[in-house]
Structure formats: structure tokens, C-alpha cells
Amino acid sequence: MTNLERVLDLVEIEGAIVLHGLDAALIGYGSKYPDDIVLVYSAAKIKAVLVERDGMTVEEAEEFFSFNIACLGLGERTPIIMQEI
């Protein structure tokens, strides 16, 4: 069972936007009241997927992430991308 399947089993997230191909980076779900529940992805895990799956260098993954994923604005159901400290 993938992380996405586990999250969808736990809570009904109808209409949530999924970052396809990045299930390994999915770490859960969250919301900010009164907004709808959205999926939550780890920035570090997204970059690791880009390195492992796509053969990018760490620098290439960081650049791709910054320009193509971190800046996504897909409306109210846009996933949260969490930066670990």
C-alpha cells in the first residue's frame, strides 16, 4: 500500500490535488481552518525522488524543485510542501 493509498484510507480527501509520481514524498495531510484538507509532501523527500528516480544531481533536483514544484499554485486544494528544519 502506498503512502497515498494509506492517507486516502484514513480520511476522505475528495478533490485533493495529487503530485503524481511523488507518492514516496507524501507524509500526510493537513489543513488550516476553515479550508479543506490537503495532502502534505516533504520537500526533502521530493528532491530525493528526483535524484533517485530521474537521475538528477542534487543541484539539478534543487533547481527543478524550486522552479517547477515549490511555486505551484493550483488553487484551494494545492498540496502543502513542508520544509523540515
PDB file of N, CA and C in Angstrom:
ATOM      1  N   MET A   1       0.854  -1.180   0.000  1.00  0.00           N
ATOM      2  CA  MET A   1       0.000   0.000   0.000  1.00  0.00           C
ATOM      3  C   MET A   1       0.903   1.248   0.000  1.00  0.00           C
ATOM      4  N   THR A   2       0.634   2.174  -0.909  1.00  0.00           N
ATOM      5  CA  THR A   2       1.438   3.396  -0.994  1.00  0.00           C
ATOM      6  C   THR A   2       1.013   4.394   0.077  1.00  0.00           C
ATOM      7  N   ASN A   3       1.858   5.390   0.297  1.00  0.00           N
ATOM      8  CA  ASN A   3       1.508   6.464   1.237  1.00  0.00           C
ATOM      9  C   ASN A   3       0.194   7.118   0.835  1.00  0.00           C
ATOM     10  N   LEU A   4       0.012   7.348  -0.453  1.00  0.00           N
ATOM     11  CA  LEU A   4      -1.214   7.975  -0.936  1.00  0.00           C
ATOM     12  C   LEU A   4      -2.426   7.122  -0.597  1.00  0.00           C
ATOM     13  N   GLU A   5      -2.331   5.829  -0.833  1.00  0.00           N
ATOM     14  CA  GLU A   5      -3.450   4.942  -0.507  1.00  0.00           C
ATOM     15  C   GLU A   5      -3.745   4.942   0.993  1.00  0.00           C
ATOM     16  N   ARG A   6      -2.688   4.959   1.824  1.00  0.00           N
ATOM     17  CA  ARG A   6      -2.879   4.998   3.277  1.00  0.00           C
ATOM     18  C   ARG A   6      -3.593   6.268   3.707  1.00  0.00           C
ATOM     19  N   VAL A   7      -3.164   7.408   3.172  1.00  0.00           N
ATOM     20  CA  VAL A   7      -3.795   8.677   3.537  1.00  0.00           C
ATOM     21  C   VAL A   7      -5.250   8.703   3.084  1.00  0.00           C
ATOM     22  N   LEU A   8      -5.508   8.255   1.864  1.00  0.00           N
ATOM     23  CA  LEU A   8      -6.875   8.258   1.356  1.00  0.00           C
ATOM     24  C   LEU A   8      -7.763   7.296   2.129  1.00  0.00           C
ATOM     25  N   ASP A   9      -7.189   6.226   2.693  1.00  0.00           N
ATOM     26  CA  ASP A   9      -7.951   5.306   3.537  1.00  0.00           C
ATOM     27  C   ASP A   9      -8.301   5.947   4.875  1.00  0.00           C
ATOM     28  N   LEU A  10      -7.411   6.792   5.392  1.00  0.00           N
ATOM     29  CA  LEU A  10      -7.615   7.403   6.704  1.00  0.00           C
ATOM     30  C   LEU A  10      -8.662   8.505   6.699  1.00  0.00           C
ATOM     31  N   VAL A  11      -8.683   9.281   5.649  1.00  0.00           N
ATOM     32  CA  VAL A  11      -9.547  10.458   5.633  1.00  0.00           C
ATOM     33  C   VAL A  11     -10.064  10.683   4.226  1.00  0.00           C
ATOM     34  N   GLU A  12     -11.265  11.134   4.123  1.00  0.00           N
ATOM     35  CA  GLU A  12     -11.853  11.432   2.822  1.00  0.00           C
ATOM     36  C   GLU A  12     -11.309  12.768   2.338  1.00  0.00           C
ATOM     37  N   ILE A  13     -10.534  12.726   1.280  1.00  0.00           N
ATOM     38  CA  ILE A  13      -9.936  13.938   0.722  1.00  0.00           C
ATOM     39  C   ILE A  13     -10.407  14.075  -0.719  1.00  0.00           C
ATOM     40  N   GLU A  14     -11.675  14.261  -0.887  1.00  0.00           N
ATOM     41  CA  GLU A  14     -12.245  14.369  -2.223  1.00  0.00           C
ATOM     42  C   GLU A  14     -11.765  15.655  -2.882  1.00  0.00           C
ATOM     43  N   GLY A  15     -11.235  15.526  -4.079  1.00  0.00           N
ATOM     44  CA  GLY A  15     -10.797  16.690  -4.827  1.00  0.00           C
ATOM     45  C   GLY A  15      -9.393  17.168  -4.495  1.00  0.00           C
ATOM     46  N   ALA A  16      -8.697  16.447  -3.631  1.00  0.00           N
ATOM     47  CA  ALA A  16      -7.328  16.854  -3.291  1.00  0.00           C
ATOM     48  C   ALA A  16      -6.436  16.733  -4.520  1.00  0.00           C
ATOM     49  N   ILE A  17      -5.520  17.651  -4.661  1.00  0.00           N
ATOM     50  CA  ILE A  17      -4.576  17.618  -5.777  1.00  0.00           C
ATOM     51  C   ILE A  17      -3.408  16.727  -5.385  1.00  0.00           C
ATOM     52  N   VAL A  18      -3.108  15.762  -6.248  1.00  0.00           N
ATOM     53  CA  VAL A  18      -2.043  14.793  -6.009  1.00  0.00           C
ATOM     54  C   VAL A  18      -0.856  15.149  -6.902  1.00  0.00           C
ATOM     55  N   LEU A  19       0.347  15.123  -6.338  1.00  0.00           N
ATOM     56  CA  LEU A  19       1.560  15.298  -7.130  1.00  0.00           C
ATOM     57  C   LEU A  19       1.965  13.917  -7.628  1.00  0.00           C
ATOM     58  N   HIS A  20       1.507  13.569  -8.823  1.00  0.00           N
ATOM     59  CA  HIS A  20       1.706  12.225  -9.368  1.00  0.00           C
ATOM     60  C   HIS A  20       3.191  11.911  -9.517  1.00  0.00           C
ATOM     61  N   GLY A  21       3.534  10.692  -9.169  1.00  0.00           N
ATOM     62  CA  GLY A  21       4.919  10.243  -9.245  1.00  0.00           C
ATOM     63  C   GLY A  21       5.720  10.579  -8.008  1.00  0.00           C
ATOM     64  N   LEU A  22       5.093  11.241  -7.048  1.00  0.00           N
ATOM     65  CA  LEU A  22       5.806  11.643  -5.835  1.00  0.00           C
ATOM     66  C   LEU A  22       5.179  11.035  -4.579  1.00  0.00           C
ATOM     67  N   ASP A  23       4.546   9.871  -4.724  1.00  0.00           N
ATOM     68  CA  ASP A  23       3.911   9.219  -3.576  1.00  0.00           C
ATOM     69  C   ASP A  23       4.900   8.979  -2.437  1.00  0.00           C
ATOM     70  N   ALA A  24       6.161   8.682  -2.765  1.00  0.00           N
ATOM     71  CA  ALA A  24       7.164   8.414  -1.731  1.00  0.00           C
ATOM     72  C   ALA A  24       7.456   9.648  -0.885  1.00  0.00           C
ATOM     73  N   ALA A  25       7.105  10.820  -1.383  1.00  0.00           N
ATOM     74  CA  ALA A  25       7.352  12.073  -0.656  1.00  0.00           C
ATOM     75  C   ALA A  25       6.132  12.531   0.136  1.00  0.00           C
ATOM     76  N   LEU A  26       5.021  11.831  -0.003  1.00  0.00           N
ATOM     77  CA  LEU A  26       3.797  12.178   0.721  1.00  0.00           C
ATOM     78  C   LEU A  26       3.953  11.788   2.185  1.00  0.00           C
ATOM     79  N   ILE A  27       3.741  12.741   3.086  1.00  0.00           N
ATOM     80  CA  ILE A  27       3.932  12.456   4.509  1.00  0.00           C
ATOM     81  C   ILE A  27       2.649  12.578   5.319  1.00  0.00           C
ATOM     82  N   GLY A  28       1.567  13.016   4.694  1.00  0.00           N
ATOM     83  CA  GLY A  28       0.314  13.095   5.432  1.00  0.00           C
ATOM     84  C   GLY A  28      -0.653  14.074   4.814  1.00  0.00           C
ATOM     85  N   TYR A  29      -1.482  14.630   5.685  1.00  0.00           N
ATOM     86  CA  TYR A  29      -2.477  15.602   5.234  1.00  0.00           C
ATOM     87  C   TYR A  29      -2.612  16.679   6.298  1.00  0.00           C
ATOM     88  N   GLY A  30      -3.178  17.806   5.906  1.00  0.00           N
ATOM     89  CA  GLY A  30      -3.349  18.900   6.851  1.00  0.00           C
ATOM     90  C   GLY A  30      -4.329  19.915   6.314  1.00  0.00           C
ATOM     91  N   SER A  31      -4.589  20.916   7.124  1.00  0.00           N
ATOM     92  CA  SER A  31      -5.476  21.995   6.706  1.00  0.00           C
ATOM     93  C   SER A  31      -5.276  23.178   7.628  1.00  0.00           C
ATOM     94  N   LYS A  32      -5.785  24.291   7.189  1.00  0.00           N
ATOM     95  CA  LYS A  32      -5.829  25.492   8.012  1.00  0.00           C
ATOM     96  C   LYS A  32      -7.289  25.905   8.052  1.00  0.00           C
ATOM     97  N   TYR A  33      -7.882  25.802   9.206  1.00  0.00           N
ATOM     98  CA  TYR A  33      -9.313  26.076   9.341  1.00  0.00           C
ATOM     99  C   TYR A  33      -9.646  27.427   8.749  1.00  0.00           C
ATOM    100  N   PRO A  34     -10.653  27.564   7.975  1.00  0.00           N
ATOM    101  CA  PRO A  34     -11.719  26.633   7.622  1.00  0.00           C
ATOM    102  C   PRO A  34     -11.501  25.939   6.280  1.00  0.00           C
ATOM    103  N   ASP A  35     -10.287  25.976   5.777  1.00  0.00           N
ATOM    104  CA  ASP A  35     -10.022  25.405   4.451  1.00  0.00           C
ATOM    105  C   ASP A  35     -10.144  23.887   4.450  1.00  0.00           C
ATOM    106  N   ASP A  36     -10.291  23.332   3.253  1.00  0.00           N
ATOM    107  CA  ASP A  36     -10.387  21.882   3.076  1.00  0.00           C
ATOM    108  C   ASP A  36      -9.056  21.206   3.381  1.00  0.00           C
ATOM    109  N   ILE A  37      -9.126  19.915   3.633  1.00  0.00           N
ATOM    110  CA  ILE A  37      -7.929  19.100   3.857  1.00  0.00           C
ATOM    111  C   ILE A  37      -7.151  18.992   2.555  1.00  0.00           C
ATOM    112  N   VAL A  38      -5.833  19.098   2.657  1.00  0.00           N
ATOM    113  CA  VAL A  38      -4.944  18.951   1.507  1.00  0.00           C
ATOM    114  C   VAL A  38      -3.853  17.942   1.851  1.00  0.00           C
ATOM    115  N   LEU A  39      -3.209  17.416   0.831  1.00  0.00           N
ATOM    116  CA  LEU A  39      -2.093  16.500   1.030  1.00  0.00           C
ATOM    117  C   LEU A  39      -0.846  17.287   1.422  1.00  0.00           C
ATOM    118  N   VAL A  40       0.043  16.650   2.180  1.00  0.00           N
ATOM    119  CA  VAL A  40       1.283  17.281   2.622  1.00  0.00           C
ATOM    120  C   VAL A  40       2.457  16.438   2.139  1.00  0.00           C
ATOM    121  N   TYR A  41       3.389  17.097   1.463  1.00  0.00           N
ATOM    122  CA  TYR A  41       4.580  16.442   0.930  1.00  0.00           C
ATOM    123  C   TYR A  41       5.825  17.017   1.607  1.00  0.00           C
ATOM    124  N   SER A  42       6.862  16.206   1.707  1.00  0.00           N
ATOM    125  CA  SER A  42       8.150  16.624   2.250  1.00  0.00           C
ATOM    126  C   SER A  42       9.023  17.144   1.114  1.00  0.00           C
ATOM    127  N   ALA A  43       9.534  18.353   1.259  1.00  0.00           N
ATOM    128  CA  ALA A  43      10.418  18.932   0.235  1.00  0.00           C
ATOM    129  C   ALA A  43      11.671  18.079   0.071  1.00  0.00           C
ATOM    130  N   ALA A  44      12.250  17.635   1.176  1.00  0.00           N
ATOM    131  CA  ALA A  44      13.465  16.825   1.108  1.00  0.00           C
ATOM    132  C   ALA A  44      13.208  15.497   0.397  1.00  0.00           C
ATOM    133  N   LYS A  45      12.058  14.899   0.672  1.00  0.00           N
ATOM    134  CA  LYS A  45      11.731  13.628   0.029  1.00  0.00           C
ATOM    135  C   LYS A  45      11.425  13.808  -1.450  1.00  0.00           C
ATOM    136  N   ILE A  46      10.816  14.928  -1.812  1.00  0.00           N
ATOM    137  CA  ILE A  46      10.578  15.210  -3.236  1.00  0.00           C
ATOM    138  C   ILE A  46      11.911  15.277  -3.966  1.00  0.00           C
ATOM    139  N   LYS A  47      12.858  16.007  -3.399  1.00  0.00           N
ATOM    140  CA  LYS A  47      14.181  16.139  -4.032  1.00  0.00           C
ATOM    141  C   LYS A  47      14.881  14.794  -4.108  1.00  0.00           C
ATOM    142  N   ALA A  48      14.727  13.956  -3.075  1.00  0.00           N
ATOM    143  CA  ALA A  48      15.335  12.626  -3.096  1.00  0.00           C
ATOM    144  C   ALA A  48      14.739  11.768  -4.218  1.00  0.00           C
ATOM    145  N   VAL A  49      13.428  11.881  -4.433  1.00  0.00           N
ATOM    146  CA  VAL A  49      12.790  11.150  -5.534  1.00  0.00           C
ATOM    147  C   VAL A  49      13.362  11.609  -6.866  1.00  0.00           C
ATOM    148  N   LEU A  50      13.540  12.906  -7.038  1.00  0.00           N
ATOM    149  CA  LEU A  50      14.081  13.433  -8.286  1.00  0.00           C
ATOM    150  C   LEU A  50      15.494  12.916  -8.546  1.00  0.00           C
ATOM    151  N   VAL A  51      16.272  12.805  -7.484  1.00  0.00           N
ATOM    152  CA  VAL A  51      17.641  12.291  -7.621  1.00  0.00           C
ATOM    153  C   VAL A  51      17.612  10.797  -7.953  1.00  0.00           C
ATOM    154  N   GLU A  52      16.861  10.031  -7.171  1.00  0.00           N
ATOM    155  CA  GLU A  52      16.852   8.577  -7.342  1.00  0.00           C
ATOM    156  C   GLU A  52      16.126   8.133  -8.608  1.00  0.00           C
ATOM    157  N   ARG A  53      14.923   8.654  -8.815  1.00  0.00           N
ATOM    158  CA  ARG A  53      14.096   8.207  -9.933  1.00  0.00           C
ATOM    159  C   ARG A  53      14.554   8.774 -11.271  1.00  0.00           C
ATOM    160  N   ASP A  54      14.879  10.073 -11.264  1.00  0.00           N
ATOM    161  CA  ASP A  54      15.177  10.754 -12.526  1.00  0.00           C
ATOM    162  C   ASP A  54      16.660  10.914 -12.801  1.00  0.00           C
ATOM    163  N   GLY A  55      17.504  10.474 -11.867  1.00  0.00           N
ATOM    164  CA  GLY A  55      18.947  10.539 -12.081  1.00  0.00           C
ATOM    165  C   GLY A  55      19.516  11.947 -12.049  1.00  0.00           C
ATOM    166  N   MET A  56      18.814  12.875 -11.412  1.00  0.00           N
ATOM    167  CA  MET A  56      19.313  14.240 -11.302  1.00  0.00           C
ATOM    168  C   MET A  56      20.409  14.322 -10.253  1.00  0.00           C
ATOM    169  N   THR A  57      21.289  15.296 -10.415  1.00  0.00           N
ATOM    170  CA  THR A  57      22.225  15.600  -9.339  1.00  0.00           C
ATOM    171  C   THR A  57      21.433  16.328  -8.256  1.00  0.00           C
ATOM    172  N   VAL A  58      22.029  16.468  -7.083  1.00  0.00           N
ATOM    173  CA  VAL A  58      21.364  17.191  -6.002  1.00  0.00           C
ATOM    174  C   VAL A  58      21.064  18.623  -6.438  1.00  0.00           C
ATOM    175  N   GLU A  59      22.001  19.253  -7.127  1.00  0.00           N
ATOM    176  CA  GLU A  59      21.813  20.625  -7.590  1.00  0.00           C
ATOM    177  C   GLU A  59      20.693  20.716  -8.623  1.00  0.00           C
ATOM    178  N   GLU A  60      20.645  19.766  -9.548  1.00  0.00           N
ATOM    179  CA  GLU A  60      19.572  19.750 -10.551  1.00  0.00           C
ATOM    180  C   GLU A  60      18.210  19.545  -9.888  1.00  0.00           C
ATOM    181  N   ALA A  61      18.157  18.649  -8.911  1.00  0.00           N
ATOM    182  CA  ALA A  61      16.903  18.392  -8.206  1.00  0.00           C
ATOM    183  C   ALA A  61      16.441  19.634  -7.457  1.00  0.00           C
ATOM    184  N   GLU A  62      17.370  20.328  -6.817  1.00  0.00           N
ATOM    185  CA  GLU A  62      17.035  21.555  -6.087  1.00  0.00           C
ATOM    186  C   GLU A  62      16.487  22.608  -7.044  1.00  0.00           C
ATOM    187  N   GLU A  63      17.132  22.772  -8.185  1.00  0.00           N
ATOM    188  CA  GLU A  63      16.678  23.763  -9.172  1.00  0.00           C
ATOM    189  C   GLU A  63      15.312  23.373  -9.751  1.00  0.00           C
ATOM    190  N   PHE A  64      15.153  22.114 -10.120  1.00  0.00           N
ATOM    191  CA  PHE A  64      13.879  21.650 -10.659  1.00  0.00           C
ATOM    192  C   PHE A  64      12.765  21.846  -9.637  1.00  0.00           C
ATOM    193  N   PHE A  65      13.035  21.466  -8.390  1.00  0.00           N
ATOM    194  CA  PHE A  65      12.059  21.627  -7.317  1.00  0.00           C
ATOM    195  C   PHE A  65      11.665  23.100  -7.165  1.00  0.00           C
ATOM    196  N   SER A  66      12.650  23.982  -7.124  1.00  0.00           N
ATOM    197  CA  SER A  66      12.385  25.412  -6.918  1.00  0.00           C
ATOM    198  C   SER A  66      11.540  26.018  -8.024  1.00  0.00           C
ATOM    199  N   PHE A  67      11.821  25.645  -9.265  1.00  0.00           N
ATOM    200  CA  PHE A  67      11.148  26.270 -10.404  1.00  0.00           C
ATOM    201  C   PHE A  67       9.880  25.561 -10.861  1.00  0.00           C
ATOM    202  N   ASN A  68       9.705  24.298 -10.483  1.00  0.00           N
ATOM    203  CA  ASN A  68       8.579  23.531 -11.018  1.00  0.00           C
ATOM    204  C   ASN A  68       7.623  22.955  -9.986  1.00  0.00           C
ATOM    205  N   ILE A  69       8.044  22.891  -8.737  1.00  0.00           N
ATOM    206  CA  ILE A  69       7.186  22.264  -7.730  1.00  0.00           C
ATOM    207  C   ILE A  69       6.882  23.219  -6.579  1.00  0.00           C
ATOM    208  N   ALA A  70       7.899  23.826  -6.018  1.00  0.00           N
ATOM    209  CA  ALA A  70       7.707  24.679  -4.835  1.00  0.00           C
ATOM    210  C   ALA A  70       6.804  25.872  -5.114  1.00  0.00           C
ATOM    211  N   CYS A  71       6.746  26.302  -6.347  1.00  0.00           N
ATOM    212  CA  CYS A  71       5.978  27.503  -6.687  1.00  0.00           C
ATOM    213  C   CYS A  71       4.592  27.184  -7.243  1.00  0.00           C
ATOM    214  N   LEU A  72       4.177  25.915  -7.168  1.00  0.00           N
ATOM    215  CA  LEU A  72       2.865  25.542  -7.692  1.00  0.00           C
ATOM    216  C   LEU A  72       1.754  26.291  -6.977  1.00  0.00           C
ATOM    217  N   GLY A  73       0.857  26.823  -7.727  1.00  0.00           N
ATOM    218  CA  GLY A  73      -0.336  27.453  -7.187  1.00  0.00           C
ATOM    219  C   GLY A  73      -1.525  26.910  -7.947  1.00  0.00           C
ATOM    220  N   LEU A  74      -2.119  25.846  -7.427  1.00  0.00           N
ATOM    221  CA  LEU A  74      -3.168  25.149  -8.152  1.00  0.00           C
ATOM    222  C   LEU A  74      -4.543  25.374  -7.544  1.00  0.00           C
ATOM    223  N   GLY A  75      -4.687  26.444  -6.813  1.00  0.00           N
ATOM    224  CA  GLY A  75      -5.978  26.739  -6.207  1.00  0.00           C
ATOM    225  C   GLY A  75      -6.050  26.299  -4.756  1.00  0.00           C
ATOM    226  N   GLU A  76      -7.287  26.254  -4.259  1.00  0.00           N
ATOM    227  CA  GLU A  76      -7.523  25.968  -2.846  1.00  0.00           C
ATOM    228  C   GLU A  76      -7.014  24.605  -2.399  1.00  0.00           C
ATOM    229  N   ARG A  77      -6.931  23.654  -3.295  1.00  0.00           N
ATOM    230  CA  ARG A  77      -6.534  22.291  -2.912  1.00  0.00           C
ATOM    231  C   ARG A  77      -5.064  22.011  -3.194  1.00  0.00           C
ATOM    232  N   THR A  78      -4.278  23.064  -3.447  1.00  0.00           N
ATOM    233  CA  THR A  78      -2.839  22.893  -3.681  1.00  0.00           C
ATOM    234  C   THR A  78      -2.214  22.212  -2.470  1.00  0.00           C
ATOM    235  N   PRO A  79      -1.401  21.180  -2.685  1.00  0.00           N
ATOM    236  CA  PRO A  79      -0.761  20.495  -1.567  1.00  0.00           C
ATOM    237  C   PRO A  79       0.183  21.423  -0.790  1.00  0.00           C
ATOM    238  N   ILE A  80       0.371  21.089   0.462  1.00  0.00           N
ATOM    239  CA  ILE A  80       1.357  21.762   1.304  1.00  0.00           C
ATOM    240  C   ILE A  80       2.681  21.067   1.066  1.00  0.00           C
ATOM    241  N   ILE A  81       3.748  21.846   0.877  1.00  0.00           N
ATOM    242  CA  ILE A  81       5.073  21.273   0.774  1.00  0.00           C
ATOM    243  C   ILE A  81       5.848  21.731   2.010  1.00  0.00           C
ATOM    244  N   MET A  82       6.142  20.781   2.874  1.00  0.00           N
ATOM    245  CA  MET A  82       6.752  21.085   4.162  1.00  0.00           C
ATOM    246  C   MET A  82       8.275  21.074   4.048  1.00  0.00           C
ATOM    247  N   GLN A  83       8.875  22.107   4.588  1.00  0.00           N
ATOM    248  CA  GLN A  83      10.327  22.205   4.681  1.00  0.00           C
ATOM    249  C   GLN A  83      10.728  21.831   6.108  1.00  0.00           C
ATOM    250  N   GLU A  84      11.503  20.780   6.239  1.00  0.00           N
ATOM    251  CA  GLU A  84      11.967  20.367   7.553  1.00  0.00           C
ATOM    252  C   GLU A  84      13.088  21.284   8.023  1.00  0.00           C
ATOM    253  N   ILE A  85      13.166  21.480   9.345  1.00  0.00           N
ATOM    254  CA  ILE A  85      14.262  22.286   9.898  1.00  0.00           C
ATOM    255  C   ILE A  85      15.106  21.432  10.824  1.00  0.00           C
TER     256      ILE A  85
END
